[in-house]
Protein backbone atom coordinates (compact mmCIF):
# COMPACT_ATOMS: atom_id res chain seq x y z
CA MET A 1 -4.14 50.59 -52.01
CA LYS A 2 -3.10 54.21 -51.93
CA LYS A 3 -4.90 57.54 -52.13
CA GLU A 4 -7.95 57.90 -54.37
CA ASN A 5 -8.02 54.07 -54.54
CA LEU A 6 -5.64 54.18 -57.50
CA PRO A 7 -2.47 52.09 -57.26
CA PRO A 8 0.56 54.35 -57.90
CA PHE A 9 3.09 53.45 -60.59
CA LYS A 10 4.95 55.08 -63.46
CA ILE A 11 5.09 53.93 -67.08
CA THR A 12 8.75 54.38 -67.98
CA ASN A 13 10.41 54.14 -71.40
CA GLU A 14 11.93 50.81 -70.36
CA ILE A 15 8.49 49.46 -69.49
CA LEU A 16 7.07 50.62 -72.83
CA THR A 17 9.98 49.01 -74.68
CA LEU A 18 9.42 45.70 -72.92
CA ILE A 19 5.68 45.76 -73.70
CA TYR A 20 6.53 46.31 -77.37
CA GLU A 21 9.12 43.49 -77.34
CA ILE A 22 6.67 41.10 -75.65
CA GLY A 23 4.07 41.96 -78.29
CA GLU A 24 6.59 41.14 -81.02
CA LEU A 25 7.42 37.80 -79.37
CA ILE A 26 3.75 36.89 -79.01
CA GLY A 27 3.37 37.45 -82.75
CA LYS A 28 6.08 34.86 -83.41
CA ILE A 29 4.52 32.10 -81.35
CA SER A 30 2.49 29.50 -83.22
CA VAL A 31 -0.01 29.13 -80.40
CA THR A 32 -2.23 26.65 -82.21
CA GLN A 33 0.61 24.21 -82.85
CA GLU A 34 2.33 24.45 -79.50
CA PHE A 35 -0.41 24.90 -76.94
CA GLU A 36 -3.77 24.02 -78.45
CA LYS A 37 -2.68 20.69 -79.95
CA ASN A 38 0.33 19.65 -77.88
CA LEU A 39 -1.36 18.36 -74.74
CA ILE A 40 1.88 16.85 -73.44
CA LEU A 41 3.67 20.22 -73.57
CA ARG A 42 0.74 21.92 -71.86
CA ARG A 43 0.74 19.36 -69.05
CA GLU A 44 4.52 19.57 -68.61
CA ASN A 45 4.38 23.35 -68.38
CA ARG A 46 1.54 23.20 -65.87
CA ILE A 47 3.53 20.81 -63.68
CA LYS A 48 6.58 23.11 -63.90
CA THR A 49 4.37 26.06 -62.92
CA ILE A 50 3.01 24.27 -59.85
CA TYR A 51 6.42 22.96 -58.82
CA SER A 52 8.05 26.39 -59.10
CA SER A 53 5.28 28.35 -57.35
CA LEU A 54 5.34 25.93 -54.41
CA ALA A 55 9.15 25.73 -54.30
CA ILE A 56 9.22 29.51 -53.81
CA GLU A 57 7.21 28.89 -50.63
CA GLN A 58 9.66 26.21 -49.38
CA ASN A 59 7.73 23.14 -50.53
CA THR A 60 10.33 20.33 -50.43
CA LEU A 61 9.10 18.12 -53.29
CA THR A 62 11.27 17.76 -56.39
CA LEU A 63 9.87 18.22 -59.90
CA GLU A 64 9.80 14.44 -60.29
CA GLN A 65 7.89 14.03 -57.01
CA VAL A 66 5.41 16.75 -57.98
CA THR A 67 4.86 14.90 -61.27
CA ASP A 68 4.28 11.64 -59.40
CA VAL A 69 1.77 13.23 -57.00
CA ILE A 70 -0.18 14.71 -59.92
CA ASN A 71 -0.12 11.32 -61.65
CA GLY A 72 -1.59 9.71 -58.54
CA LYS A 73 1.55 7.83 -57.48
CA ARG A 74 2.66 7.35 -53.88
CA VAL A 75 5.41 9.71 -52.76
CA LEU A 76 7.39 9.59 -49.53
CA ALA A 77 7.26 13.22 -48.42
CA PRO A 78 5.62 15.45 -45.78
CA LEU A 79 1.82 15.19 -46.07
CA LYS A 80 1.55 19.00 -46.02
CA ASP A 81 3.80 19.30 -49.08
CA ILE A 82 1.85 16.61 -50.95
CA LYS A 83 -1.45 18.33 -50.15
CA GLU A 84 -0.08 21.65 -51.40
CA VAL A 85 0.67 20.02 -54.76
CA GLN A 86 -2.77 18.40 -54.99
CA ASN A 87 -4.52 21.66 -54.12
CA ALA A 88 -2.46 23.75 -56.55
CA TYR A 89 -3.06 21.29 -59.38
CA GLU A 90 -6.81 21.36 -58.76
CA ILE A 91 -7.09 25.16 -58.94
CA TYR A 92 -4.74 25.52 -61.94
CA GLU A 93 -6.84 22.94 -63.78
CA ARG A 94 -9.88 25.12 -63.08
CA LEU A 95 -8.19 28.32 -64.24
CA ASP A 96 -10.54 28.73 -67.23
CA GLU A 97 -13.54 28.73 -64.88
CA LEU A 98 -12.31 31.67 -62.81
CA ASN A 99 -13.40 35.27 -63.38
CA ASP A 100 -10.37 37.52 -62.87
CA ASN A 101 -12.68 40.37 -61.79
CA SER A 102 -14.49 38.37 -59.09
CA VAL A 103 -13.63 38.61 -55.38
CA LYS A 104 -15.87 35.57 -54.88
CA ASP A 105 -13.67 33.57 -57.27
CA LEU A 106 -10.54 34.82 -55.50
CA LEU A 107 -11.88 33.42 -52.21
CA LEU A 108 -12.82 30.16 -53.94
CA ALA A 109 -9.30 29.87 -55.38
CA HIS A 110 -7.81 30.43 -51.93
CA LYS A 111 -10.19 27.86 -50.40
CA ILE A 112 -9.02 25.23 -52.88
CA MET A 113 -5.33 26.24 -52.73
CA THR A 114 -5.21 25.99 -48.91
CA SER A 115 -7.76 23.20 -48.33
CA GLU A 116 -6.92 21.19 -45.18
CA LEU A 117 -3.82 23.33 -44.65
CA ILE A 118 -5.06 26.37 -42.67
CA LYS A 119 -8.13 27.24 -40.62
CA GLU A 120 -9.09 30.42 -42.48
CA ASN A 121 -9.09 28.92 -45.95
CA GLY A 122 -11.30 30.81 -48.39
CA LYS A 123 -11.60 33.71 -45.95
CA PHE A 124 -9.76 36.97 -45.39
CA ARG A 125 -7.55 36.79 -42.33
CA SER A 126 -8.94 37.88 -38.97
CA LYS A 127 -5.57 38.71 -37.36
CA ASN A 128 -2.52 40.82 -38.18
CA ALA A 129 0.13 39.24 -40.40
CA GLY A 130 3.46 40.27 -41.82
CA VAL A 131 6.25 39.15 -44.10
CA TYR A 132 9.44 38.12 -42.32
CA GLN A 133 13.02 37.69 -43.45
CA GLY A 134 14.31 35.31 -40.83
CA GLU A 135 13.11 36.93 -37.61
CA LYS A 136 13.02 40.43 -39.11
CA LEU A 137 9.64 41.91 -40.07
CA ILE A 138 10.05 43.47 -43.52
CA HIS A 139 6.39 44.21 -44.30
CA MET A 140 3.23 44.40 -42.22
CA GLY A 141 0.04 43.52 -44.10
CA SER A 142 -3.03 45.73 -43.98
CA MET A 143 -5.19 45.71 -40.86
CA PRO A 144 -7.81 42.91 -41.01
CA ALA A 145 -10.72 45.36 -40.72
CA HIS A 146 -9.58 47.17 -43.90
CA ILE A 147 -8.95 44.11 -46.08
CA PRO A 148 -12.43 43.66 -47.65
CA GLU A 149 -12.58 47.30 -48.74
CA LEU A 150 -9.00 47.31 -50.04
CA ILE A 151 -9.55 44.13 -52.05
CA ASN A 152 -12.86 45.41 -53.45
CA ASN A 153 -11.15 48.65 -54.51
CA LEU A 154 -8.32 46.68 -56.14
CA PHE A 155 -10.79 44.58 -58.14
CA LEU A 156 -12.74 47.70 -59.10
CA TRP A 157 -9.53 49.23 -60.46
CA LEU A 158 -8.69 46.00 -62.31
CA LYS A 159 -12.12 45.95 -63.97
CA ASN A 160 -12.14 49.63 -65.00
CA SER A 161 -8.47 50.28 -65.77
CA LYS A 162 -7.55 51.00 -69.39
CA GLU A 163 -3.91 50.02 -68.85
CA HIS A 164 -2.30 47.25 -70.90
CA PRO A 165 -3.03 43.75 -69.48
CA LEU A 166 0.69 43.25 -68.85
CA ILE A 167 0.63 46.32 -66.62
CA LYS A 168 -2.65 45.43 -64.92
CA ALA A 169 -1.47 41.91 -64.07
CA ALA A 170 1.77 43.13 -62.49
CA VAL A 171 0.12 45.97 -60.57
CA PHE A 172 -2.59 43.66 -59.23
CA HIS A 173 0.06 41.12 -58.20
CA TYR A 174 2.07 43.71 -56.30
CA GLU A 175 -0.92 45.41 -54.63
CA PHE A 176 -2.35 42.05 -53.61
CA GLU A 177 0.91 41.09 -51.92
CA PHE A 178 1.03 44.53 -50.26
CA ILE A 179 -2.43 44.03 -48.73
CA HIS A 180 -1.51 40.44 -47.78
CA PRO A 181 -5.18 39.50 -47.31
CA PHE A 182 -4.88 35.86 -46.23
CA GLN A 183 -3.49 33.99 -43.26
CA ASP A 184 -1.31 31.99 -45.67
CA GLY A 185 -1.05 31.38 -49.41
CA ASN A 186 -0.74 35.02 -50.50
CA GLY A 187 2.26 34.36 -52.76
CA ARG A 188 0.65 31.36 -54.44
CA ILE A 189 -2.63 33.18 -55.04
CA GLY A 190 -0.89 36.37 -56.21
CA ARG A 191 1.06 34.44 -58.85
CA LEU A 192 -2.04 32.45 -59.83
CA TRP A 193 -4.04 35.65 -60.36
CA HIS A 194 -1.22 37.21 -62.38
CA THR A 195 -1.40 34.19 -64.70
CA LEU A 196 -5.21 34.34 -64.75
CA ILE A 197 -5.30 38.02 -65.81
CA LEU A 198 -2.82 37.38 -68.62
CA SER A 199 -4.68 34.24 -69.74
CA LYS A 200 -7.87 36.30 -70.21
CA TRP A 201 -5.83 38.44 -72.62
CA LYS A 202 -3.97 35.63 -74.42
CA ASP A 203 -5.07 32.04 -73.72
CA PHE A 204 -1.61 30.51 -73.89
CA PHE A 205 -0.45 32.45 -70.81
CA GLY A 206 -2.48 29.91 -68.84
CA TRP A 207 0.07 27.28 -69.88
CA LEU A 208 3.32 29.27 -69.70
CA PRO A 209 5.58 28.37 -66.75
CA ILE A 210 6.35 32.00 -65.81
CA GLU A 211 6.69 30.85 -62.20
CA SER A 212 9.75 28.82 -63.22
CA LEU A 213 11.68 32.02 -63.96
CA VAL A 214 10.25 33.72 -60.87
CA GLN A 215 11.74 30.82 -58.91
CA LYS A 216 15.02 31.15 -60.81
CA TYR A 217 15.18 34.85 -59.90
CA GLN A 218 13.53 34.44 -56.52
CA LYS A 219 15.90 36.80 -54.74
CA GLU A 220 15.27 39.52 -57.35
CA TYR A 221 11.51 38.85 -57.10
CA TYR A 222 11.45 39.67 -53.39
CA THR A 223 13.86 42.56 -53.88
CA ALA A 224 11.49 44.09 -56.45
CA ILE A 225 8.57 43.75 -54.02
CA ASN A 226 10.55 45.22 -51.12
CA ASN A 227 11.90 48.11 -53.19
CA SER A 228 8.41 48.88 -54.45
CA ASN A 229 7.21 48.91 -50.83
CA ARG A 230 10.02 51.36 -50.05
CA ASP A 231 9.18 53.56 -53.04
CA GLY A 232 5.44 53.55 -52.35
CA GLU A 233 4.71 52.47 -55.95
CA SER A 234 4.90 49.29 -58.02
CA THR A 235 7.08 50.55 -60.91
CA GLU A 236 10.10 48.36 -60.07
CA PHE A 237 7.92 45.27 -59.64
CA ILE A 238 6.19 45.90 -63.00
CA LEU A 239 9.59 46.13 -64.67
CA PHE A 240 10.79 42.91 -63.04
CA MET A 241 7.71 40.93 -64.11
CA LEU A 242 7.91 42.23 -67.69
CA LYS A 243 11.53 41.08 -67.89
CA ILE A 244 10.48 37.65 -66.59
CA ILE A 245 7.68 37.35 -69.16
CA ASN A 246 10.00 38.53 -71.94
CA GLU A 247 12.58 35.87 -71.04
CA THR A 248 9.87 33.18 -70.77
CA LEU A 249 8.64 33.94 -74.29
CA ILE A 250 12.18 33.97 -75.71
CA GLU A 251 12.80 30.52 -74.18
CA LEU A 252 9.50 29.26 -75.56
CA ILE A 253 10.35 30.38 -79.09
CA GLU A 254 13.84 28.86 -78.89
CA ASN A 255 12.39 25.55 -77.65
CA GLN A 256 9.81 25.63 -80.41
CA LYS A 257 12.52 26.13 -83.04
CA MET A 258 14.47 23.21 -81.59
CA THR A 259 11.38 20.98 -81.61
CA ASP A 260 10.56 21.93 -85.21
CA LYS A 261 14.14 21.23 -86.26
CA MET A 262 14.13 17.86 -84.53
CA THR A 263 10.90 16.70 -86.13
CA ASP A 264 11.20 18.14 -89.65
CA LYS A 265 13.01 15.11 -91.07
CA MET A 266 11.22 12.45 -89.03
CA THR A 267 8.46 10.09 -90.05
CA ASP A 268 5.14 10.25 -88.19
CA LYS A 269 6.07 7.05 -86.34
CA ASN A 270 9.40 8.50 -85.20
CA LYS A 271 7.74 11.79 -84.19
CA LYS A 272 5.46 9.84 -81.87
CA ARG A 273 8.41 7.88 -80.53
CA ILE A 274 10.45 10.97 -79.73
CA GLU A 275 7.43 12.55 -78.07
CA VAL A 276 7.18 9.51 -75.79
CA ILE A 277 10.93 9.61 -74.99
CA LEU A 278 10.95 13.37 -74.26
CA LYS A 279 7.84 13.08 -72.10
CA TYR A 280 9.58 10.36 -70.08
CA LEU A 281 12.71 12.50 -69.73
CA SER A 282 10.64 15.46 -68.52
CA GLN A 283 9.86 13.34 -65.45
CA LYS A 284 13.07 11.29 -65.09
CA ASN A 285 16.76 12.17 -65.19
CA TYR A 286 17.71 9.55 -67.78
CA ILE A 287 16.47 6.63 -69.87
CA ASP A 288 18.24 3.36 -70.70
CA ASN A 289 17.75 0.88 -73.52
CA LYS A 290 15.46 -1.42 -71.52
CA GLU A 291 13.15 1.43 -70.52
CA ALA A 292 13.02 2.69 -74.12
CA GLN A 293 12.23 -0.83 -75.33
CA ASN A 294 9.26 -1.06 -72.95
CA LEU A 295 8.01 2.47 -73.61
CA LEU A 296 8.12 2.15 -77.40
CA ASP A 297 7.08 -1.53 -77.48
CA VAL A 298 9.95 -2.40 -79.82
CA SER A 299 12.82 -4.88 -79.87
CA GLU A 300 16.05 -4.27 -77.96
CA ALA A 301 17.90 -3.64 -81.22
CA THR A 302 15.29 -1.15 -82.50
CA ALA A 303 15.31 0.74 -79.20
CA LYS A 304 19.11 0.92 -79.29
CA ARG A 305 19.15 2.17 -82.90
CA PHE A 306 16.52 4.81 -82.13
CA LEU A 307 18.33 6.11 -79.04
CA ASN A 308 21.63 6.28 -80.92
CA LYS A 309 19.87 8.11 -83.77
CA LEU A 310 18.71 10.73 -81.26
CA VAL A 311 22.30 11.05 -80.05
CA LYS A 312 23.46 11.67 -83.63
CA GLU A 313 20.67 14.22 -84.09
CA ASN A 314 22.06 16.04 -81.01
CA ILE A 315 18.78 15.51 -79.12
CA LEU A 316 20.14 13.13 -76.49
CA GLU A 317 23.56 12.55 -74.94
CA ALA A 318 24.86 9.05 -74.17
CA VAL A 319 26.54 8.50 -70.80
CA GLY A 320 28.33 5.30 -69.76
CA GLU A 321 29.43 2.20 -71.63
CA TYR A 322 27.63 -0.84 -73.05
CA LYS A 323 24.87 -2.23 -70.78
CA ALA A 324 25.33 0.59 -68.28
CA ARG A 325 24.74 3.24 -70.95
CA LYS A 326 22.12 5.84 -70.15
CA TYR A 327 20.69 8.67 -72.25
CA ILE A 328 19.97 12.20 -71.04
CA LYS A 329 18.49 15.29 -72.70
CA LYS A 330 20.99 17.64 -74.32
């Protein structure tokens, strides 16, 4: 934190425009239909969130492996990476229980996120720590003796600030990373808390895979942090996160339109069938006729007709010939 315990940043015209655009996008989202009722979509987005946040920190598991770990299946992978997934899933599932203004809950979240992974889990670090790019130190975290006061001041600002939640979430995220209060897990907890703050404003942010776009623009993410460190204020990082959220909401709306278009002309039975197929394809690269037959509990001919119908509807794409034919998402 900086002088007078107030984190420095500027509200630019570009930032104000993005806040307005995000507000407009939020107004277009049918939250009840997409997130309150569609449990499959919520679960898929949560898995994407966990996968992306861990991938940023060099976790080696694929999205399919992360899905398998969460579903309780055996995965051949480093035990550390598997434990990271299990821990992250546990704390994201408890997101609603956390108080975004509580230091105690922050420490609890860190304890769960880093359980069995580091010695100082659930505690502020006792030694110096920095952020490295290769062997080059690019940022030194705050001195251990100052961390409790700095974190308390940050939470006090978060509680009392009258800024827009989109601003508060980004500023907290940046300042948290600047302090770097933990031995490990700072990035994961910073992104978790960003999501938590936004979810207290609008519930559906708890299910949006914002981390997926952070992973996509990972280089720009770290550039925004480093440039904000250089500038001594979080303005550039705020702008970056607002752009990420804006793009996430645009993608959500486009996907919702596509889903509505796909299901408008379908019977209830076919809607359930396509939901099963798309859920399967969210975890696997392709589906074949035999797998569809088993999933839908239908005859071989019915499965084939249904898959080909989805191809005609431009939902799936057929690859290969005859018995070797596989179907992938468009």
